[in-house]
N, C-alpha and C. Protein backbone atom coordinates (compact mmCIF):
# COMPACT_ATOMS: atom_id res chain seq x y z
N MET A 1 -6.76 4.97 -10.88
CA MET A 1 -6.51 3.85 -11.77
C MET A 1 -7.83 3.26 -12.24
N TYR A 2 -7.93 2.93 -13.49
CA TYR A 2 -9.14 2.41 -14.10
C TYR A 2 -9.60 1.11 -13.45
N LEU A 3 -8.68 0.21 -13.12
CA LEU A 3 -9.05 -1.06 -12.52
C LEU A 3 -9.66 -0.87 -11.14
N ASP A 4 -9.16 0.10 -10.39
CA ASP A 4 -9.72 0.40 -9.08
C ASP A 4 -11.19 0.78 -9.18
N THR A 5 -11.54 1.52 -10.21
CA THR A 5 -12.93 1.92 -10.42
C THR A 5 -13.81 0.69 -10.64
N ILE A 6 -13.36 -0.22 -11.48
CA ILE A 6 -14.11 -1.44 -11.75
C ILE A 6 -14.22 -2.28 -10.48
N ILE A 7 -13.13 -2.42 -9.77
CA ILE A 7 -13.13 -3.19 -8.52
C ILE A 7 -14.17 -2.64 -7.55
N ASN A 8 -14.14 -1.33 -7.35
CA ASN A 8 -15.08 -0.72 -6.40
C ASN A 8 -16.53 -0.82 -6.87
N GLU A 9 -16.76 -0.64 -8.18
CA GLU A 9 -18.12 -0.75 -8.71
C GLU A 9 -18.70 -2.14 -8.48
N VAL A 10 -17.94 -3.15 -8.84
CA VAL A 10 -18.43 -4.52 -8.71
C VAL A 10 -18.56 -4.91 -7.23
N ALA A 11 -17.62 -4.49 -6.41
CA ALA A 11 -17.71 -4.78 -4.97
C ALA A 11 -18.97 -4.15 -4.39
N ASP A 12 -19.31 -2.93 -4.85
CA ASP A 12 -20.54 -2.28 -4.38
C ASP A 12 -21.79 -3.03 -4.82
N GLU A 13 -21.70 -3.75 -5.94
CA GLU A 13 -22.83 -4.52 -6.48
C GLU A 13 -22.81 -5.98 -6.02
N ALA A 14 -21.92 -6.33 -5.13
CA ALA A 14 -21.71 -7.74 -4.76
C ALA A 14 -22.97 -8.42 -4.26
N ASP A 15 -23.80 -7.71 -3.51
CA ASP A 15 -25.03 -8.34 -3.02
C ASP A 15 -25.90 -8.83 -4.16
N ASP A 16 -25.94 -8.05 -5.25
CA ASP A 16 -26.74 -8.45 -6.41
C ASP A 16 -26.00 -9.47 -7.28
N VAL A 17 -24.75 -9.19 -7.58
CA VAL A 17 -23.96 -10.06 -8.45
C VAL A 17 -23.80 -11.45 -7.84
N LEU A 18 -23.64 -11.50 -6.52
CA LEU A 18 -23.39 -12.77 -5.84
C LEU A 18 -24.60 -13.24 -5.04
N SER A 19 -25.77 -12.84 -5.46
CA SER A 19 -27.00 -13.22 -4.77
C SER A 19 -27.09 -14.74 -4.64
N GLY A 20 -27.24 -15.20 -3.41
CA GLY A 20 -27.38 -16.62 -3.14
C GLY A 20 -26.08 -17.39 -3.08
N ILE A 21 -24.95 -16.71 -3.25
CA ILE A 21 -23.64 -17.37 -3.24
C ILE A 21 -22.92 -17.01 -1.95
N SER A 22 -22.52 -18.03 -1.20
CA SER A 22 -21.82 -17.77 0.05
C SER A 22 -20.48 -18.50 0.13
N VAL A 23 -20.15 -19.24 -0.91
CA VAL A 23 -18.90 -19.99 -0.94
C VAL A 23 -17.90 -19.25 -1.83
N ARG A 24 -16.72 -19.05 -1.31
CA ARG A 24 -15.70 -18.26 -2.00
C ARG A 24 -15.41 -18.75 -3.42
N LYS A 25 -15.26 -20.05 -3.59
CA LYS A 25 -14.93 -20.60 -4.91
C LYS A 25 -16.02 -20.25 -5.93
N ASP A 26 -17.27 -20.39 -5.53
CA ASP A 26 -18.38 -20.05 -6.42
C ASP A 26 -18.41 -18.55 -6.71
N ALA A 27 -18.08 -17.77 -5.70
CA ALA A 27 -18.06 -16.31 -5.88
C ALA A 27 -16.98 -15.90 -6.88
N ARG A 28 -15.81 -16.50 -6.78
CA ARG A 28 -14.73 -16.19 -7.73
C ARG A 28 -15.16 -16.50 -9.16
N THR A 29 -15.79 -17.66 -9.33
CA THR A 29 -16.24 -18.05 -10.66
C THR A 29 -17.27 -17.06 -11.19
N THR A 30 -18.23 -16.72 -10.37
CA THR A 30 -19.28 -15.78 -10.78
C THR A 30 -18.69 -14.40 -11.07
N LEU A 31 -17.78 -13.95 -10.23
CA LEU A 31 -17.15 -12.65 -10.48
C LEU A 31 -16.35 -12.66 -11.77
N SER A 32 -15.63 -13.72 -12.03
CA SER A 32 -14.86 -13.84 -13.27
C SER A 32 -15.77 -13.75 -14.48
N GLU A 33 -16.89 -14.46 -14.42
CA GLU A 33 -17.86 -14.42 -15.53
C GLU A 33 -18.47 -13.03 -15.68
N HIS A 34 -18.77 -12.40 -14.56
CA HIS A 34 -19.34 -11.05 -14.58
C HIS A 34 -18.36 -10.05 -15.21
N ILE A 35 -17.11 -10.12 -14.81
CA ILE A 35 -16.09 -9.22 -15.36
C ILE A 35 -15.90 -9.47 -16.85
N GLN A 36 -15.85 -10.72 -17.24
CA GLN A 36 -15.67 -11.03 -18.66
C GLN A 36 -16.85 -10.54 -19.49
N ALA A 37 -18.06 -10.67 -18.96
CA ALA A 37 -19.25 -10.25 -19.69
C ALA A 37 -19.38 -8.73 -19.76
N ASN A 38 -19.00 -8.04 -18.70
CA ASN A 38 -19.22 -6.60 -18.62
C ASN A 38 -17.99 -5.75 -18.92
N HIS A 39 -16.83 -6.39 -18.96
CA HIS A 39 -15.59 -5.66 -19.22
C HIS A 39 -14.69 -6.51 -20.11
N ALA A 40 -15.26 -6.95 -21.22
CA ALA A 40 -14.57 -7.85 -22.15
C ALA A 40 -13.30 -7.22 -22.72
N GLU A 41 -13.21 -5.91 -22.66
CA GLU A 41 -12.03 -5.23 -23.20
C GLU A 41 -10.78 -5.44 -22.35
N LEU A 42 -10.97 -5.90 -21.12
CA LEU A 42 -9.82 -6.10 -20.23
C LEU A 42 -9.04 -7.34 -20.63
N PRO A 43 -7.73 -7.24 -20.65
CA PRO A 43 -6.92 -8.45 -20.88
C PRO A 43 -7.06 -9.39 -19.69
N PRO A 44 -6.77 -10.67 -19.89
CA PRO A 44 -6.93 -11.66 -18.81
C PRO A 44 -6.20 -11.29 -17.51
N ASP A 45 -5.00 -10.75 -17.61
CA ASP A 45 -4.27 -10.38 -16.40
C ASP A 45 -5.00 -9.30 -15.61
N ASP A 46 -5.57 -8.34 -16.31
CA ASP A 46 -6.32 -7.28 -15.62
C ASP A 46 -7.61 -7.83 -15.01
N ARG A 47 -8.27 -8.76 -15.70
CA ARG A 47 -9.48 -9.38 -15.12
C ARG A 47 -9.13 -10.10 -13.83
N LEU A 48 -7.99 -10.77 -13.80
CA LEU A 48 -7.55 -11.47 -12.59
C LEU A 48 -7.30 -10.48 -11.46
N ILE A 49 -6.65 -9.37 -11.77
CA ILE A 49 -6.41 -8.33 -10.76
C ILE A 49 -7.72 -7.81 -10.21
N VAL A 50 -8.70 -7.60 -11.09
CA VAL A 50 -10.00 -7.09 -10.66
C VAL A 50 -10.69 -8.09 -9.73
N VAL A 51 -10.71 -9.35 -10.11
CA VAL A 51 -11.37 -10.35 -9.26
C VAL A 51 -10.67 -10.44 -7.91
N ARG A 52 -9.36 -10.44 -7.91
CA ARG A 52 -8.62 -10.49 -6.64
C ARG A 52 -8.94 -9.26 -5.78
N GLY A 53 -9.01 -8.11 -6.40
CA GLY A 53 -9.32 -6.88 -5.66
C GLY A 53 -10.71 -6.92 -5.05
N ILE A 54 -11.67 -7.43 -5.81
CA ILE A 54 -13.04 -7.55 -5.31
C ILE A 54 -13.08 -8.52 -4.13
N MET A 55 -12.42 -9.66 -4.30
CA MET A 55 -12.40 -10.66 -3.22
C MET A 55 -11.77 -10.08 -1.95
N LYS A 56 -10.74 -9.28 -2.11
CA LYS A 56 -10.09 -8.66 -0.95
C LYS A 56 -11.06 -7.74 -0.22
N ILE A 57 -11.79 -6.93 -0.98
CA ILE A 57 -12.78 -6.03 -0.37
C ILE A 57 -13.85 -6.85 0.35
N LEU A 58 -14.35 -7.88 -0.32
CA LEU A 58 -15.40 -8.70 0.28
C LEU A 58 -14.90 -9.40 1.54
N ASP A 59 -13.65 -9.84 1.54
CA ASP A 59 -13.07 -10.43 2.75
C ASP A 59 -13.01 -9.41 3.88
N ASN A 60 -12.59 -8.19 3.56
CA ASN A 60 -12.51 -7.14 4.57
C ASN A 60 -13.88 -6.80 5.14
N GLU A 61 -14.92 -6.98 4.33
CA GLU A 61 -16.29 -6.74 4.77
C GLU A 61 -16.93 -7.97 5.38
N ASP A 62 -16.17 -9.06 5.49
CA ASP A 62 -16.64 -10.34 6.04
C ASP A 62 -17.86 -10.87 5.27
N PHE A 63 -17.84 -10.68 3.97
CA PHE A 63 -18.93 -11.11 3.10
C PHE A 63 -19.11 -12.63 3.16
N PHE A 64 -18.03 -13.35 3.34
CA PHE A 64 -18.07 -14.82 3.33
C PHE A 64 -17.98 -15.38 4.74
N SER A 65 -18.58 -14.74 5.70
CA SER A 65 -18.45 -15.18 7.09
C SER A 65 -18.94 -16.61 7.31
N ALA A 66 -19.86 -17.09 6.49
CA ALA A 66 -20.38 -18.45 6.64
C ALA A 66 -19.49 -19.49 5.96
N ASP A 67 -18.55 -19.04 5.12
CA ASP A 67 -17.68 -19.96 4.40
C ASP A 67 -16.45 -20.25 5.25
N LEU A 68 -16.33 -21.47 5.72
CA LEU A 68 -15.24 -21.84 6.62
C LEU A 68 -13.94 -22.12 5.90
N THR A 69 -13.88 -21.95 4.57
CA THR A 69 -12.64 -22.20 3.83
C THR A 69 -11.77 -20.95 3.76
N LYS A 70 -12.15 -19.89 4.45
CA LYS A 70 -11.37 -18.65 4.40
C LYS A 70 -9.96 -18.89 4.89
N THR A 71 -9.00 -18.42 4.10
CA THR A 71 -7.59 -18.50 4.45
C THR A 71 -6.97 -17.13 4.20
N ASP A 72 -5.67 -17.04 4.35
CA ASP A 72 -4.98 -15.79 4.06
C ASP A 72 -4.98 -15.47 2.57
N SER A 73 -5.25 -16.46 1.75
CA SER A 73 -5.26 -16.28 0.31
C SER A 73 -6.63 -15.81 -0.15
N VAL A 74 -6.67 -14.85 -1.07
CA VAL A 74 -7.95 -14.40 -1.61
C VAL A 74 -8.58 -15.46 -2.50
N TRP A 75 -7.83 -16.50 -2.86
CA TRP A 75 -8.34 -17.54 -3.75
C TRP A 75 -8.80 -18.77 -3.00
N GLY A 76 -8.68 -18.79 -1.68
CA GLY A 76 -9.20 -19.91 -0.91
C GLY A 76 -8.14 -20.92 -0.54
N GLU A 77 -8.60 -21.94 0.12
CA GLU A 77 -7.73 -22.97 0.66
C GLU A 77 -6.86 -23.61 -0.41
N GLY A 78 -5.59 -23.77 -0.09
CA GLY A 78 -4.67 -24.47 -0.96
C GLY A 78 -4.13 -23.64 -2.11
N SER A 79 -4.43 -22.36 -2.13
CA SER A 79 -3.98 -21.53 -3.24
C SER A 79 -2.59 -20.98 -2.98
N ASN A 80 -1.86 -20.74 -4.05
CA ASN A 80 -0.54 -20.12 -3.91
C ASN A 80 -0.48 -18.85 -4.75
N ASP A 81 -1.58 -18.10 -4.75
CA ASP A 81 -1.63 -16.89 -5.56
C ASP A 81 -0.73 -15.80 -4.98
N ALA A 82 -0.63 -14.74 -5.72
CA ALA A 82 0.21 -13.62 -5.31
C ALA A 82 -0.35 -12.97 -4.04
N ASP A 83 0.50 -12.28 -3.34
CA ASP A 83 0.11 -11.58 -2.13
C ASP A 83 -0.97 -10.56 -2.46
N PRO A 84 -2.16 -10.67 -1.86
CA PRO A 84 -3.25 -9.73 -2.18
C PRO A 84 -2.93 -8.29 -1.79
N GLU A 85 -1.98 -8.08 -0.89
CA GLU A 85 -1.60 -6.72 -0.51
C GLU A 85 -0.91 -5.98 -1.64
N LYS A 86 -0.39 -6.71 -2.63
CA LYS A 86 0.31 -6.09 -3.75
C LYS A 86 -0.61 -5.75 -4.91
N ILE A 87 -1.88 -5.99 -4.72
CA ILE A 87 -2.85 -5.72 -5.79
C ILE A 87 -3.15 -4.24 -5.82
């Protein structure tokens, strides 16, 4: 799937793309901007799927270990987003 390729590419570049960012909320914003700038052809729904997929990978890698707002949601505390397992 094309989105999986983008998800994996950006997740592999996370150290550079998210340099200096350790808070999930800031990371989501930066990833959204990165996807929009580098993959402008994607419709908004696909960009959301990509950001969620990247966040899931980063969570599995404990990228945000210093961020104490980690919850079961890939979007952070208080979110009611879709189940990340369905991405």
